[in-house]
Amino acid sequence: MCFLSTRNTYDLKDVTEESASRYSQLANIRLRSAEAQPNIPADLLRLLYQSISQSQSRIPALERTVQEIKIEWGLL
């Protein structure tokens, strides 16, 4: 059980780090977009759409990881 708990803790840390990184990336793009107003360059918009798309595609896996850990820890 100790190994499982340690592994789960590392998995949660990975989820947290990935989520924070993606949020930071989106926040930086948003700031750059605000600074570029009123004309946001097309490459910046492409970067924003790409970042959103990549983040959205990862959400189910991250949620699944958290859900599995909750089950293993008896939180559900």
PDB file of N, CA and C in Angstrom:
ATOM      1  N   MET A   1       0.824  -1.196   0.000  1.00  0.00           N
ATOM      2  CA  MET A   1       0.000   0.000   0.000  1.00  0.00           C
ATOM      3  C   MET A   1       0.865   1.256   0.000  1.00  0.00           C
ATOM      4  N   CYS A   2       2.010   1.191   0.669  1.00  0.00           N
ATOM      5  CA  CYS A   2       2.887   2.361   0.744  1.00  0.00           C
ATOM      6  C   CYS A   2       3.388   2.752  -0.644  1.00  0.00           C
ATOM      7  N   PHE A   3       3.775   1.749  -1.442  1.00  0.00           N
ATOM      8  CA  PHE A   3       4.246   2.036  -2.797  1.00  0.00           C
ATOM      9  C   PHE A   3       3.144   2.679  -3.622  1.00  0.00           C
ATOM     10  N   LEU A   4       1.936   2.146  -3.490  1.00  0.00           N
ATOM     11  CA  LEU A   4       0.795   2.673  -4.242  1.00  0.00           C
ATOM     12  C   LEU A   4       0.522   4.125  -3.858  1.00  0.00           C
ATOM     13  N   SER A   5       0.585   4.400  -2.572  1.00  0.00           N
ATOM     14  CA  SER A   5       0.356   5.764  -2.091  1.00  0.00           C
ATOM     15  C   SER A   5       1.429   6.714  -2.613  1.00  0.00           C
ATOM     16  N   THR A   6       2.675   6.274  -2.607  1.00  0.00           N
ATOM     17  CA  THR A   6       3.776   7.104  -3.113  1.00  0.00           C
ATOM     18  C   THR A   6       3.617   7.345  -4.606  1.00  0.00           C
ATOM     19  N   ARG A   7       3.284   6.301  -5.343  1.00  0.00           N
ATOM     20  CA  ARG A   7       3.079   6.452  -6.784  1.00  0.00           C
ATOM     21  C   ARG A   7       1.936   7.421  -7.070  1.00  0.00           C
ATOM     22  N   ASN A   8       0.863   7.284  -6.319  1.00  0.00           N
ATOM     23  CA  ASN A   8      -0.276   8.178  -6.501  1.00  0.00           C
ATOM     24  C   ASN A   8       0.095   9.621  -6.197  1.00  0.00           C
ATOM     25  N   THR A   9       0.904   9.815  -5.183  1.00  0.00           N
ATOM     26  CA  THR A   9       1.347  11.167  -4.841  1.00  0.00           C
ATOM     27  C   THR A   9       2.150  11.759  -5.984  1.00  0.00           C
ATOM     28  N   TYR A  10       3.038  10.970  -6.567  1.00  0.00           N
ATOM     29  CA  TYR A  10       3.810  11.448  -7.724  1.00  0.00           C
ATOM     30  C   TYR A  10       2.898  11.729  -8.916  1.00  0.00           C
ATOM     31  N   ASP A  11       1.907  10.875  -9.119  1.00  0.00           N
ATOM     32  CA  ASP A  11       0.963  11.097 -10.218  1.00  0.00           C
ATOM     33  C   ASP A  11       0.194  12.403 -10.024  1.00  0.00           C
ATOM     34  N   LEU A  12      -0.237  12.663  -8.790  1.00  0.00           N
ATOM     35  CA  LEU A  12      -0.942  13.917  -8.508  1.00  0.00           C
ATOM     36  C   LEU A  12      -0.032  15.117  -8.724  1.00  0.00           C
ATOM     37  N   LYS A  13       1.228  14.967  -8.347  1.00  0.00           N
ATOM     38  CA  LYS A  13       2.191  16.051  -8.554  1.00  0.00           C
ATOM     39  C   LYS A  13       2.361  16.310 -10.052  1.00  0.00           C
ATOM     40  N   ASP A  14       2.424  15.248 -10.838  1.00  0.00           N
ATOM     41  CA  ASP A  14       2.538  15.399 -12.294  1.00  0.00           C
ATOM     42  C   ASP A  14       1.317  16.109 -12.878  1.00  0.00           C
ATOM     43  N   VAL A  15       0.129  15.737 -12.411  1.00  0.00           N
ATOM     44  CA  VAL A  15      -1.101  16.385 -12.878  1.00  0.00           C
ATOM     45  C   VAL A  15      -1.061  17.870 -12.532  1.00  0.00           C
ATOM     46  N   THR A  16      -0.648  18.171 -11.310  1.00  0.00           N
ATOM     47  CA  THR A  16      -0.572  19.563 -10.869  1.00  0.00           C
ATOM     48  C   THR A  16       0.415  20.358 -11.706  1.00  0.00           C
ATOM     49  N   GLU A  17       1.596  19.788 -11.932  1.00  0.00           N
ATOM     50  CA  GLU A  17       2.620  20.494 -12.706  1.00  0.00           C
ATOM     51  C   GLU A  17       2.187  20.707 -14.152  1.00  0.00           C
ATOM     52  N   GLU A  18       1.600  19.687 -14.757  1.00  0.00           N
ATOM     53  CA  GLU A  18       1.154  19.833 -16.143  1.00  0.00           C
ATOM     54  C   GLU A  18       0.036  20.868 -16.247  1.00  0.00           C
ATOM     55  N   SER A  19      -0.898  20.809 -15.317  1.00  0.00           N
ATOM     56  CA  SER A  19      -2.002  21.775 -15.331  1.00  0.00           C
ATOM     57  C   SER A  19      -1.493  23.198 -15.137  1.00  0.00           C
ATOM     58  N   ALA A  20      -0.571  23.378 -14.210  1.00  0.00           N
ATOM     59  CA  ALA A  20      -0.015  24.712 -13.957  1.00  0.00           C
ATOM     60  C   ALA A  20       0.750  25.221 -15.167  1.00  0.00           C
ATOM     61  N   SER A  21       1.483  24.337 -15.815  1.00  0.00           N
ATOM     62  CA  SER A  21       2.248  24.726 -17.001  1.00  0.00           C
ATOM     63  C   SER A  21       1.323  25.161 -18.134  1.00  0.00           C
ATOM     64  N   ARG A  22       0.272  24.393 -18.355  1.00  0.00           N
ATOM     65  CA  ARG A  22      -0.678  24.741 -19.424  1.00  0.00           C
ATOM     66  C   ARG A  22      -1.403  26.044 -19.102  1.00  0.00           C
ATOM     67  N   TYR A  23      -1.772  26.232 -17.839  1.00  0.00           N
ATOM     68  CA  TYR A  23      -2.435  27.474 -17.435  1.00  0.00           C
ATOM     69  C   TYR A  23      -1.501  28.664 -17.633  1.00  0.00           C
ATOM     70  N   SER A  24      -0.260  28.497 -17.247  1.00  0.00           N
ATOM     71  CA  SER A  24       0.725  29.570 -17.401  1.00  0.00           C
ATOM     72  C   SER A  24       0.924  29.925 -18.870  1.00  0.00           C
ATOM     73  N   GLN A  25       0.993  28.903 -19.716  1.00  0.00           N
ATOM     74  CA  GLN A  25       1.150  29.140 -21.147  1.00  0.00           C
ATOM     75  C   GLN A  25      -0.036  29.939 -21.695  1.00  0.00           C
ATOM     76  N   LEU A  26      -1.239  29.541 -21.319  1.00  0.00           N
ATOM     77  CA  LEU A  26      -2.431  30.263 -21.781  1.00  0.00           C
ATOM     78  C   LEU A  26      -2.461  31.693 -21.242  1.00  0.00           C
ATOM     79  N   ALA A  27      -2.062  31.867 -20.002  1.00  0.00           N
ATOM     80  CA  ALA A  27      -2.048  33.211 -19.413  1.00  0.00           C
ATOM     81  C   ALA A  27      -1.047  34.112 -20.132  1.00  0.00           C
ATOM     82  N   ASN A  28       0.106  33.563 -20.474  1.00  0.00           N
ATOM     83  CA  ASN A  28       1.114  34.345 -21.199  1.00  0.00           C
ATOM     84  C   ASN A  28       0.623  34.739 -22.588  1.00  0.00           C
ATOM     85  N   ILE A  29      -0.018  33.818 -23.274  1.00  0.00           N
ATOM     86  CA  ILE A  29      -0.555  34.129 -24.602  1.00  0.00           C
ATOM     87  C   ILE A  29      -1.652  35.183 -24.480  1.00  0.00           C
ATOM     88  N   ARG A  30      -2.462  35.051 -23.461  1.00  0.00           N
ATOM     89  CA  ARG A  30      -3.531  36.038 -23.243  1.00  0.00           C
ATOM     90  C   ARG A  30      -2.943  37.427 -22.995  1.00  0.00           C
ATOM     91  N   LEU A  31      -1.902  37.498 -22.205  1.00  0.00           N
ATOM     92  CA  LEU A  31      -1.245  38.777 -21.941  1.00  0.00           C
ATOM     93  C   LEU A  31      -0.659  39.359 -23.223  1.00  0.00           C
ATOM     94  N   ARG A  32       0.014  38.515 -24.000  1.00  0.00           N
ATOM     95  CA  ARG A  32       0.579  38.985 -25.272  1.00  0.00           C
ATOM     96  C   ARG A  32      -0.517  39.460 -26.220  1.00  0.00           C
ATOM     97  N   SER A  33      -1.660  38.767 -26.197  1.00  0.00           N
ATOM     98  CA  SER A  33      -2.791  39.179 -27.034  1.00  0.00           C
ATOM     99  C   SER A  33      -3.331  40.530 -26.591  1.00  0.00           C
ATOM    100  N   ALA A  34      -3.425  40.728 -25.301  1.00  0.00           N
ATOM    101  CA  ALA A  34      -3.924  42.004 -24.781  1.00  0.00           C
ATOM    102  C   ALA A  34      -2.980  43.146 -25.145  1.00  0.00           C
ATOM    103  N   GLU A  35      -1.687  42.881 -25.091  1.00  0.00           N
ATOM    104  CA  GLU A  35      -0.702  43.907 -25.435  1.00  0.00           C
ATOM    105  C   GLU A  35      -0.734  44.244 -26.920  1.00  0.00           C
ATOM    106  N   ALA A  36      -1.158  43.292 -27.734  1.00  0.00           N
ATOM    107  CA  ALA A  36      -1.167  43.485 -29.186  1.00  0.00           C
ATOM    108  C   ALA A  36      -2.453  44.141 -29.684  1.00  0.00           C
ATOM    109  N   GLN A  37      -3.404  44.366 -28.800  1.00  0.00           N
ATOM    110  CA  GLN A  37      -4.676  44.968 -29.213  1.00  0.00           C
ATOM    111  C   GLN A  37      -4.445  46.288 -29.925  1.00  0.00           C
ATOM    112  N   PRO A  38      -5.230  46.663 -30.884  1.00  0.00           N
ATOM    113  CA  PRO A  38      -6.454  46.007 -31.343  1.00  0.00           C
ATOM    114  C   PRO A  38      -6.208  44.961 -32.426  1.00  0.00           C
ATOM    115  N   ASN A  39      -4.999  44.852 -32.932  1.00  0.00           N
ATOM    116  CA  ASN A  39      -4.718  43.907 -34.025  1.00  0.00           C
ATOM    117  C   ASN A  39      -3.815  42.789 -33.528  1.00  0.00           C
ATOM    118  N   ILE A  40      -4.417  41.647 -33.248  1.00  0.00           N
ATOM    119  CA  ILE A  40      -3.643  40.503 -32.780  1.00  0.00           C
ATOM    120  C   ILE A  40      -3.075  39.782 -33.997  1.00  0.00           C
ATOM    121  N   PRO A  41      -1.759  39.555 -34.029  1.00  0.00           N
ATOM    122  CA  PRO A  41      -1.151  38.871 -35.173  1.00  0.00           C
ATOM    123  C   PRO A  41      -1.717  37.455 -35.361  1.00  0.00           C
ATOM    124  N   ALA A  42      -1.813  37.052 -36.596  1.00  0.00           N
ATOM    125  CA  ALA A  42      -2.373  35.735 -36.926  1.00  0.00           C
ATOM    126  C   ALA A  42      -1.586  34.604 -36.273  1.00  0.00           C
ATOM    127  N   ASP A  43      -0.259  34.732 -36.211  1.00  0.00           N
ATOM    128  CA  ASP A  43       0.539  33.665 -35.603  1.00  0.00           C
ATOM    129  C   ASP A  43       0.252  33.537 -34.107  1.00  0.00           C
ATOM    130  N   LEU A  44      -0.052  34.643 -33.451  1.00  0.00           N
ATOM    131  CA  LEU A  44      -0.396  34.596 -32.032  1.00  0.00           C
ATOM    132  C   LEU A  44      -1.763  33.937 -31.833  1.00  0.00           C
ATOM    133  N   LEU A  45      -2.697  34.218 -32.719  1.00  0.00           N
ATOM    134  CA  LEU A  45      -4.003  33.555 -32.654  1.00  0.00           C
ATOM    135  C   LEU A  45      -3.876  32.054 -32.900  1.00  0.00           C
ATOM    136  N   ARG A  46      -3.029  31.676 -33.855  1.00  0.00           N
ATOM    137  CA  ARG A  46      -2.796  30.248 -34.111  1.00  0.00           C
ATOM    138  C   ARG A  46      -2.202  29.584 -32.871  1.00  0.00           C
ATOM    139  N   LEU A  47      -1.264  30.262 -32.235  1.00  0.00           N
ATOM    140  CA  LEU A  47      -0.648  29.730 -31.020  1.00  0.00           C
ATOM    141  C   LEU A  47      -1.692  29.568 -29.913  1.00  0.00           C
ATOM    142  N   LEU A  48      -2.574  30.540 -29.791  1.00  0.00           N
ATOM    143  CA  LEU A  48      -3.637  30.466 -28.791  1.00  0.00           C
ATOM    144  C   LEU A  48      -4.555  29.277 -29.072  1.00  0.00           C
ATOM    145  N   TYR A  49      -5.022  29.137 -30.302  1.00  0.00           N
ATOM    146  CA  TYR A  49      -5.908  28.026 -30.656  1.00  0.00           C
ATOM    147  C   TYR A  49      -5.215  26.680 -30.456  1.00  0.00           C
ATOM    148  N   GLN A  50      -3.948  26.600 -30.815  1.00  0.00           N
ATOM    149  CA  GLN A  50      -3.189  25.361 -30.645  1.00  0.00           C
ATOM    150  C   GLN A  50      -3.050  25.021 -29.159  1.00  0.00           C
ATOM    151  N   SER A  51      -2.749  26.004 -28.360  1.00  0.00           N
ATOM    152  CA  SER A  51      -2.594  25.791 -26.924  1.00  0.00           C
ATOM    153  C   SER A  51      -3.908  25.345 -26.289  1.00  0.00           C
ATOM    154  N   ILE A  52      -4.998  25.981 -26.678  1.00  0.00           N
ATOM    155  CA  ILE A  52      -6.313  25.591 -26.161  1.00  0.00           C
ATOM    156  C   ILE A  52      -6.639  24.162 -26.575  1.00  0.00           C
ATOM    157  N   SER A  53      -6.406  23.844 -27.823  1.00  0.00           N
ATOM    158  CA  SER A  53      -6.701  22.505 -28.332  1.00  0.00           C
ATOM    159  C   SER A  53      -5.890  21.434 -27.598  1.00  0.00           C
ATOM    160  N   GLN A  54      -4.603  21.684 -27.418  1.00  0.00           N
ATOM    161  CA  GLN A  54      -3.749  20.725 -26.712  1.00  0.00           C
ATOM    162  C   GLN A  54      -4.191  20.557 -25.262  1.00  0.00           C
ATOM    163  N   SER A  55      -4.538  21.656 -24.634  1.00  0.00           N
ATOM    164  CA  SER A  55      -4.988  21.593 -23.239  1.00  0.00           C
ATOM    165  C   SER A  55      -6.292  20.807 -23.134  1.00  0.00           C
ATOM    166  N   GLN A  56      -7.230  21.084 -24.026  1.00  0.00           N
ATOM    167  CA  GLN A  56      -8.511  20.381 -24.000  1.00  0.00           C
ATOM    168  C   GLN A  56      -8.338  18.889 -24.243  1.00  0.00           C
ATOM    169  N   SER A  57      -7.393  18.522 -25.080  1.00  0.00           N
ATOM    170  CA  SER A  57      -7.197  17.103 -25.371  1.00  0.00           C
ATOM    171  C   SER A  57      -6.600  16.352 -24.180  1.00  0.00           C
ATOM    172  N   ARG A  58      -5.916  17.051 -23.288  1.00  0.00           N
ATOM    173  CA  ARG A  58      -5.305  16.419 -22.123  1.00  0.00           C
ATOM    174  C   ARG A  58      -6.244  16.327 -20.921  1.00  0.00           C
ATOM    175  N   ILE A  59      -7.286  17.133 -20.904  1.00  0.00           N
ATOM    176  CA  ILE A  59      -8.178  17.176 -19.740  1.00  0.00           C
ATOM    177  C   ILE A  59      -8.751  15.803 -19.375  1.00  0.00           C
ATOM    178  N   PRO A  60      -9.285  15.019 -20.311  1.00  0.00           N
ATOM    179  CA  PRO A  60      -9.838  13.715 -19.920  1.00  0.00           C
ATOM    180  C   PRO A  60      -8.815  12.803 -19.235  1.00  0.00           C
ATOM    181  N   ALA A  61      -7.594  12.774 -19.722  1.00  0.00           N
ATOM    182  CA  ALA A  61      -6.568  11.920 -19.111  1.00  0.00           C
ATOM    183  C   ALA A  61      -6.217  12.402 -17.705  1.00  0.00           C
ATOM    184  N   LEU A  62      -6.111  13.708 -17.541  1.00  0.00           N
ATOM    185  CA  LEU A  62      -5.796  14.251 -16.219  1.00  0.00           C
ATOM    186  C   LEU A  62      -6.931  13.972 -15.238  1.00  0.00           C
ATOM    187  N   GLU A  63      -8.158  14.160 -15.688  1.00  0.00           N
ATOM    188  CA  GLU A  63      -9.311  13.865 -14.832  1.00  0.00           C
ATOM    189  C   GLU A  63      -9.362  12.389 -14.469  1.00  0.00           C
ATOM    190  N   ARG A  64      -9.059  11.527 -15.431  1.00  0.00           N
ATOM    191  CA  ARG A  64      -9.063  10.085 -15.191  1.00  0.00           C
ATOM    192  C   ARG A  64      -8.021   9.713 -14.133  1.00  0.00           C
ATOM    193  N   THR A  65      -6.848  10.312 -14.210  1.00  0.00           N
ATOM    194  CA  THR A  65      -5.803  10.050 -13.222  1.00  0.00           C
ATOM    195  C   THR A  65      -6.275  10.426 -11.825  1.00  0.00           C
ATOM    196  N   VAL A  66      -6.847  11.604 -11.691  1.00  0.00           N
ATOM    197  CA  VAL A  66      -7.341  12.055 -10.385  1.00  0.00           C
ATOM    198  C   VAL A  66      -8.455  11.131  -9.894  1.00  0.00           C
ATOM    199  N   GLN A  67      -9.349  10.748 -10.772  1.00  0.00           N
ATOM    200  CA  GLN A  67     -10.458   9.861 -10.407  1.00  0.00           C
ATOM    201  C   GLN A  67      -9.933   8.515  -9.911  1.00  0.00           C
ATOM    202  N   GLU A  68      -8.959   7.946 -10.603  1.00  0.00           N
ATOM    203  CA  GLU A  68      -8.391   6.656 -10.201  1.00  0.00           C
ATOM    204  C   GLU A  68      -7.739   6.754  -8.828  1.00  0.00           C
ATOM    205  N   ILE A  69      -7.053   7.840  -8.574  1.00  0.00           N
ATOM    206  CA  ILE A  69      -6.401   8.024  -7.273  1.00  0.00           C
ATOM    207  C   ILE A  69      -7.449   8.165  -6.174  1.00  0.00           C
ATOM    208  N   LYS A  70      -8.511   8.899  -6.439  1.00  0.00           N
ATOM    209  CA  LYS A  70      -9.583   9.031  -5.447  1.00  0.00           C
ATOM    210  C   LYS A  70     -10.163   7.664  -5.094  1.00  0.00           C
ATOM    211  N   ILE A  71     -10.349   6.830  -6.106  1.00  0.00           N
ATOM    212  CA  ILE A  71     -10.886   5.487  -5.871  1.00  0.00           C
ATOM    213  C   ILE A  71      -9.906   4.669  -5.042  1.00  0.00           C
ATOM    214  N   GLU A  72      -8.625   4.692  -5.419  1.00  0.00           N
ATOM    215  CA  GLU A  72      -7.618   3.913  -4.698  1.00  0.00           C
ATOM    216  C   GLU A  72      -7.454   4.386  -3.257  1.00  0.00           C
ATOM    217  N   TRP A  73      -7.641   5.653  -3.008  1.00  0.00           N
ATOM    218  CA  TRP A  73      -7.516   6.197  -1.652  1.00  0.00           C
ATOM    219  C   TRP A  73      -8.832   6.127  -0.877  1.00  0.00           C
ATOM    220  N   GLY A  74      -9.871   5.593  -1.506  1.00  0.00           N
ATOM    221  CA  GLY A  74     -11.154   5.446  -0.837  1.00  0.00           C
ATOM    222  C   GLY A  74     -11.881   6.764  -0.616  1.00  0.00           C
ATOM    223  N   LEU A  75     -11.655   7.713  -1.492  1.00  0.00           N
ATOM    224  CA  LEU A  75     -12.296   9.017  -1.358  1.00  0.00           C
ATOM    225  C   LEU A  75     -13.617   9.084  -2.110  1.00  0.00           C
ATOM    226  N   LEU A  76     -13.922   8.050  -2.859  1.00  0.00           N
ATOM    227  CA  LEU A  76     -15.202   7.992  -3.587  1.00  0.00           C
ATOM    228  C   LEU A  76     -15.999   6.793  -3.129  1.00  0.00           C
TER     229      LEU A  76
END
